[in-house]
Amino acid sequence: MAFQSKNIFINLPVKNVNKSTNFFKELGFEFNPQFTTEDTASMIISDNIFALLMLEERFKEFSKKEIVDTTSAEAIFCLSAESRDQVDELVNKALSSGGKSSSDPQDHGFMYVWGFQDLDGHLWEVAYMDESAMNLG
């Protein structure tokens, strides 16, 4: 039987938990106060996906590796959207809330993607996929 996880918890180091929390609140994300402290904020991405925004010092308690310098890319977190307009809305909110553009909008016909960097330089993409426009044959 193949392994299947019920939940995903992404741990992200941040320089300032309050600033990062406020940034993502501006984008419309909610936080679970039960798992939020002065050095960690539990961002709810969906019912089964969470991002723990951890003060860098706290993050270091979980890994012996150095924290990645976000001038390099280690991962891109891609969020699904319900429409092209929702992609534009979320990325525009990120940009107006202090985020930076990480890519231009890309229209592949069946898929529309646009990306941004959060306050700490982590890469996020927002994608809408129109399955009815996909060529599956």
C-alpha atoms as a PDB file:
ATOM      1  CA  MET A   1       0.000   0.000   0.000  1.00  0.00           C
ATOM      2  CA  ALA A   2       1.345   3.425  -0.949  1.00  0.00           C
ATOM      3  CA  PHE A   3       1.920   5.991   1.779  1.00  0.00           C
ATOM      4  CA  GLN A   4      -0.639   8.793   1.867  1.00  0.00           C
ATOM      5  CA  SER A   5      -0.450  11.624   4.355  1.00  0.00           C
ATOM      6  CA  LYS A   6      -3.614  13.121   5.801  1.00  0.00           C
ATOM      7  CA  ASN A   7      -2.097  16.557   6.451  1.00  0.00           C
ATOM      8  CA  ILE A   8       0.833  18.677   5.296  1.00  0.00           C
ATOM      9  CA  PHE A   9       2.713  20.976   7.690  1.00  0.00           C
ATOM     10  CA  ILE A  10       5.224  23.302   6.027  1.00  0.00           C
ATOM     11  CA  ASN A  11       7.756  24.927   8.381  1.00  0.00           C
ATOM     12  CA  LEU A  12       9.082  28.257   7.105  1.00  0.00           C
ATOM     13  CA  PRO A  13      11.720  30.400   8.811  1.00  0.00           C
ATOM     14  CA  VAL A  14      10.818  34.090   9.037  1.00  0.00           C
ATOM     15  CA  LYS A  15      12.635  37.117  10.381  1.00  0.00           C
ATOM     16  CA  ASN A  16       9.573  38.654  12.067  1.00  0.00           C
ATOM     17  CA  VAL A  17       6.539  36.506  12.942  1.00  0.00           C
ATOM     18  CA  ASN A  18       4.195  39.491  13.428  1.00  0.00           C
ATOM     19  CA  LYS A  19       5.075  41.095  10.092  1.00  0.00           C
ATOM     20  CA  SER A  20       4.758  37.762   8.265  1.00  0.00           C
ATOM     21  CA  THR A  21       1.446  37.013   9.985  1.00  0.00           C
ATOM     22  CA  ASN A  22       0.063  40.425   9.045  1.00  0.00           C
ATOM     23  CA  PHE A  23       1.270  39.981   5.439  1.00  0.00           C
ATOM     24  CA  PHE A  24      -0.580  36.681   5.043  1.00  0.00           C
ATOM     25  CA  LYS A  25      -3.672  38.031   6.841  1.00  0.00           C
ATOM     26  CA  GLU A  26      -3.747  40.781   4.199  1.00  0.00           C
ATOM     27  CA  LEU A  27      -3.933  37.989   1.599  1.00  0.00           C
ATOM     28  CA  GLY A  28      -6.936  36.488   3.392  1.00  0.00           C
ATOM     29  CA  PHE A  29      -5.325  33.631   5.326  1.00  0.00           C
ATOM     30  CA  GLU A  30      -6.428  32.753   8.843  1.00  0.00           C
ATOM     31  CA  PHE A  31      -4.283  31.523  11.728  1.00  0.00           C
ATOM     32  CA  ASN A  32      -4.936  28.875  14.354  1.00  0.00           C
ATOM     33  CA  PRO A  33      -4.444  30.589  17.731  1.00  0.00           C
ATOM     34  CA  GLN A  34      -4.062  27.193  19.445  1.00  0.00           C
ATOM     35  CA  PHE A  35      -0.719  26.684  17.668  1.00  0.00           C
ATOM     36  CA  THR A  36       0.408  30.310  17.511  1.00  0.00           C
ATOM     37  CA  THR A  37       2.941  31.751  19.943  1.00  0.00           C
ATOM     38  CA  GLU A  38       5.282  34.739  19.932  1.00  0.00           C
ATOM     39  CA  ASP A  39       7.807  32.764  17.838  1.00  0.00           C
ATOM     40  CA  THR A  40       5.490  30.627  15.658  1.00  0.00           C
ATOM     41  CA  ALA A  41       2.266  31.336  13.753  1.00  0.00           C
ATOM     42  CA  SER A  42       0.111  28.513  12.374  1.00  0.00           C
ATOM     43  CA  MET A  43      -1.295  29.634   9.025  1.00  0.00           C
ATOM     44  CA  ILE A  44      -4.265  27.690   7.686  1.00  0.00           C
ATOM     45  CA  ILE A  45      -3.918  27.125   3.938  1.00  0.00           C
ATOM     46  CA  SER A  46      -6.751  24.570   3.725  1.00  0.00           C
ATOM     47  CA  ASP A  47      -8.416  21.949   5.920  1.00  0.00           C
ATOM     48  CA  ASN A  48      -5.343  19.732   5.607  1.00  0.00           C
ATOM     49  CA  ILE A  49      -2.471  22.089   4.752  1.00  0.00           C
ATOM     50  CA  PHE A  50      -0.750  24.397   7.213  1.00  0.00           C
ATOM     51  CA  ALA A  51       2.324  26.631   7.147  1.00  0.00           C
ATOM     52  CA  LEU A  52       4.125  27.223  10.423  1.00  0.00           C
ATOM     53  CA  LEU A  53       5.828  30.603  10.184  1.00  0.00           C
ATOM     54  CA  MET A  54       8.689  30.207  12.634  1.00  0.00           C
ATOM     55  CA  LEU A  55      11.083  32.813  13.905  1.00  0.00           C
ATOM     56  CA  GLU A  56      14.490  31.853  12.507  1.00  0.00           C
ATOM     57  CA  GLU A  57      15.862  31.074  15.981  1.00  0.00           C
ATOM     58  CA  ARG A  58      12.933  28.717  16.627  1.00  0.00           C
ATOM     59  CA  PHE A  59      13.295  27.091  13.201  1.00  0.00           C
ATOM     60  CA  LYS A  60      16.954  26.321  13.967  1.00  0.00           C
ATOM     61  CA  GLU A  61      15.793  24.092  16.822  1.00  0.00           C
ATOM     62  CA  PHE A  62      14.318  21.695  14.227  1.00  0.00           C
ATOM     63  CA  SER A  63      17.240  21.409  11.803  1.00  0.00           C
ATOM     64  CA  LYS A  64      21.004  21.186  12.023  1.00  0.00           C
ATOM     65  CA  LYS A  65      21.277  22.682   8.543  1.00  0.00           C
ATOM     66  CA  GLU A  66      21.793  26.365   7.874  1.00  0.00           C
ATOM     67  CA  ILE A  67      18.705  28.311   6.895  1.00  0.00           C
ATOM     68  CA  VAL A  68      18.609  28.801   3.139  1.00  0.00           C
ATOM     69  CA  ASP A  69      19.438  32.274   1.914  1.00  0.00           C
ATOM     70  CA  THR A  70      16.267  33.157   0.001  1.00  0.00           C
ATOM     71  CA  THR A  71      18.285  34.843  -2.750  1.00  0.00           C
ATOM     72  CA  SER A  72      18.458  31.215  -3.932  1.00  0.00           C
ATOM     73  CA  ALA A  73      15.427  28.995  -4.493  1.00  0.00           C
ATOM     74  CA  GLU A  74      14.917  25.772  -2.589  1.00  0.00           C
ATOM     75  CA  ALA A  75      11.171  25.326  -3.109  1.00  0.00           C
ATOM     76  CA  ILE A  76       8.139  27.006  -4.654  1.00  0.00           C
ATOM     77  CA  PHE A  77       4.836  26.648  -2.821  1.00  0.00           C
ATOM     78  CA  CYS A  78       1.996  26.525  -5.333  1.00  0.00           C
ATOM     79  CA  LEU A  79      -1.561  27.301  -4.237  1.00  0.00           C
ATOM     80  CA  SER A  80      -4.567  26.382  -6.373  1.00  0.00           C
ATOM     81  CA  ALA A  81      -7.128  29.030  -7.229  1.00  0.00           C
ATOM     82  CA  GLU A  82     -10.757  28.762  -8.320  1.00  0.00           C
ATOM     83  CA  SER A  83     -10.355  31.192 -11.248  1.00  0.00           C
ATOM     84  CA  ARG A  84      -7.931  33.394 -13.157  1.00  0.00           C
ATOM     85  CA  ASP A  85      -9.405  36.397 -11.352  1.00  0.00           C
ATOM     86  CA  GLN A  86      -8.621  34.773  -7.993  1.00  0.00           C
ATOM     87  CA  VAL A  87      -4.991  34.269  -9.109  1.00  0.00           C
ATOM     88  CA  ASP A  88      -4.718  37.955 -10.009  1.00  0.00           C
ATOM     89  CA  GLU A  89      -6.482  39.060  -6.818  1.00  0.00           C
ATOM     90  CA  LEU A  90      -4.201  37.092  -4.487  1.00  0.00           C
ATOM     91  CA  VAL A  91      -0.951  38.062  -6.222  1.00  0.00           C
ATOM     92  CA  ASN A  92      -1.988  41.718  -6.430  1.00  0.00           C
ATOM     93  CA  LYS A  93      -2.768  41.667  -2.675  1.00  0.00           C
ATOM     94  CA  ALA A  94       0.660  40.142  -2.024  1.00  0.00           C
ATOM     95  CA  LEU A  95       2.373  42.831  -4.087  1.00  0.00           C
ATOM     96  CA  SER A  96       0.433  45.680  -2.440  1.00  0.00           C
ATOM     97  CA  SER A  97       1.176  44.221   1.029  1.00  0.00           C
ATOM     98  CA  GLY A  98       4.955  44.300   0.650  1.00  0.00           C
ATOM     99  CA  GLY A  99       5.626  41.141  -1.352  1.00  0.00           C
ATOM    100  CA  LYS A 100       7.686  41.160  -4.527  1.00  0.00           C
ATOM    101  CA  SER A 101       6.971  39.727  -7.946  1.00  0.00           C
ATOM    102  CA  SER A 102       8.785  36.473  -8.675  1.00  0.00           C
ATOM    103  CA  SER A 103       7.376  35.844 -12.143  1.00  0.00           C
ATOM    104  CA  ASP A 104       5.172  37.363 -14.772  1.00  0.00           C
ATOM    105  CA  PRO A 105       1.692  35.919 -15.269  1.00  0.00           C
ATOM    106  CA  GLN A 106       1.882  32.834 -17.479  1.00  0.00           C
ATOM    107  CA  ASP A 107      -1.087  31.774 -19.592  1.00  0.00           C
ATOM    108  CA  HIS A 108      -0.782  28.216 -20.900  1.00  0.00           C
ATOM    109  CA  GLY A 109      -4.371  28.072 -22.139  1.00  0.00           C
ATOM    110  CA  PHE A 110      -5.539  25.354 -19.736  1.00  0.00           C
ATOM    111  CA  MET A 111      -3.477  26.788 -16.852  1.00  0.00           C
ATOM    112  CA  TYR A 112      -2.839  30.317 -15.597  1.00  0.00           C
ATOM    113  CA  VAL A 113      -0.018  30.913 -13.079  1.00  0.00           C
ATOM    114  CA  TRP A 114       1.499  33.947 -11.378  1.00  0.00           C
ATOM    115  CA  GLY A 115       4.052  34.114  -8.559  1.00  0.00           C
ATOM    116  CA  PHE A 116       5.256  36.326  -5.737  1.00  0.00           C
ATOM    117  CA  GLN A 117       7.834  36.385  -2.941  1.00  0.00           C
ATOM    118  CA  ASP A 118       6.673  36.870   0.639  1.00  0.00           C
ATOM    119  CA  LEU A 119       8.424  39.261   3.047  1.00  0.00           C
ATOM    120  CA  ASP A 120      11.200  36.713   3.680  1.00  0.00           C
ATOM    121  CA  GLY A 121      11.766  35.865   0.010  1.00  0.00           C
ATOM    122  CA  HIS A 122       9.944  32.497   0.024  1.00  0.00           C
ATOM    123  CA  LEU A 123       8.482  31.741  -3.401  1.00  0.00           C
ATOM    124  CA  TRP A 124       4.723  31.277  -3.844  1.00  0.00           C
ATOM    125  CA  GLU A 125       2.760  30.607  -7.027  1.00  0.00           C
ATOM    126  CA  VAL A 126      -0.965  30.777  -7.498  1.00  0.00           C
ATOM    127  CA  ALA A 127      -2.396  28.615 -10.276  1.00  0.00           C
ATOM    128  CA  TYR A 128      -5.781  28.149 -11.883  1.00  0.00           C
ATOM    129  CA  MET A 129      -6.213  25.019 -13.973  1.00  0.00           C
ATOM    130  CA  ASP A 130      -9.186  24.752 -16.343  1.00  0.00           C
ATOM    131  CA  GLU A 131      -9.512  20.999 -16.655  1.00  0.00           C
ATOM    132  CA  SER A 132     -12.129  21.353 -19.395  1.00  0.00           C
ATOM    133  CA  ALA A 133      -9.498  23.057 -21.578  1.00  0.00           C
ATOM    134  CA  MET A 134      -6.882  20.345 -21.038  1.00  0.00           C
ATOM    135  CA  ASN A 135      -6.030  18.122 -23.980  1.00  0.00           C
ATOM    136  CA  LEU A 136      -6.170  14.702 -22.363  1.00  0.00           C
ATOM    137  CA  GLY A 137      -6.199  12.678 -25.554  1.00  0.00           C
END
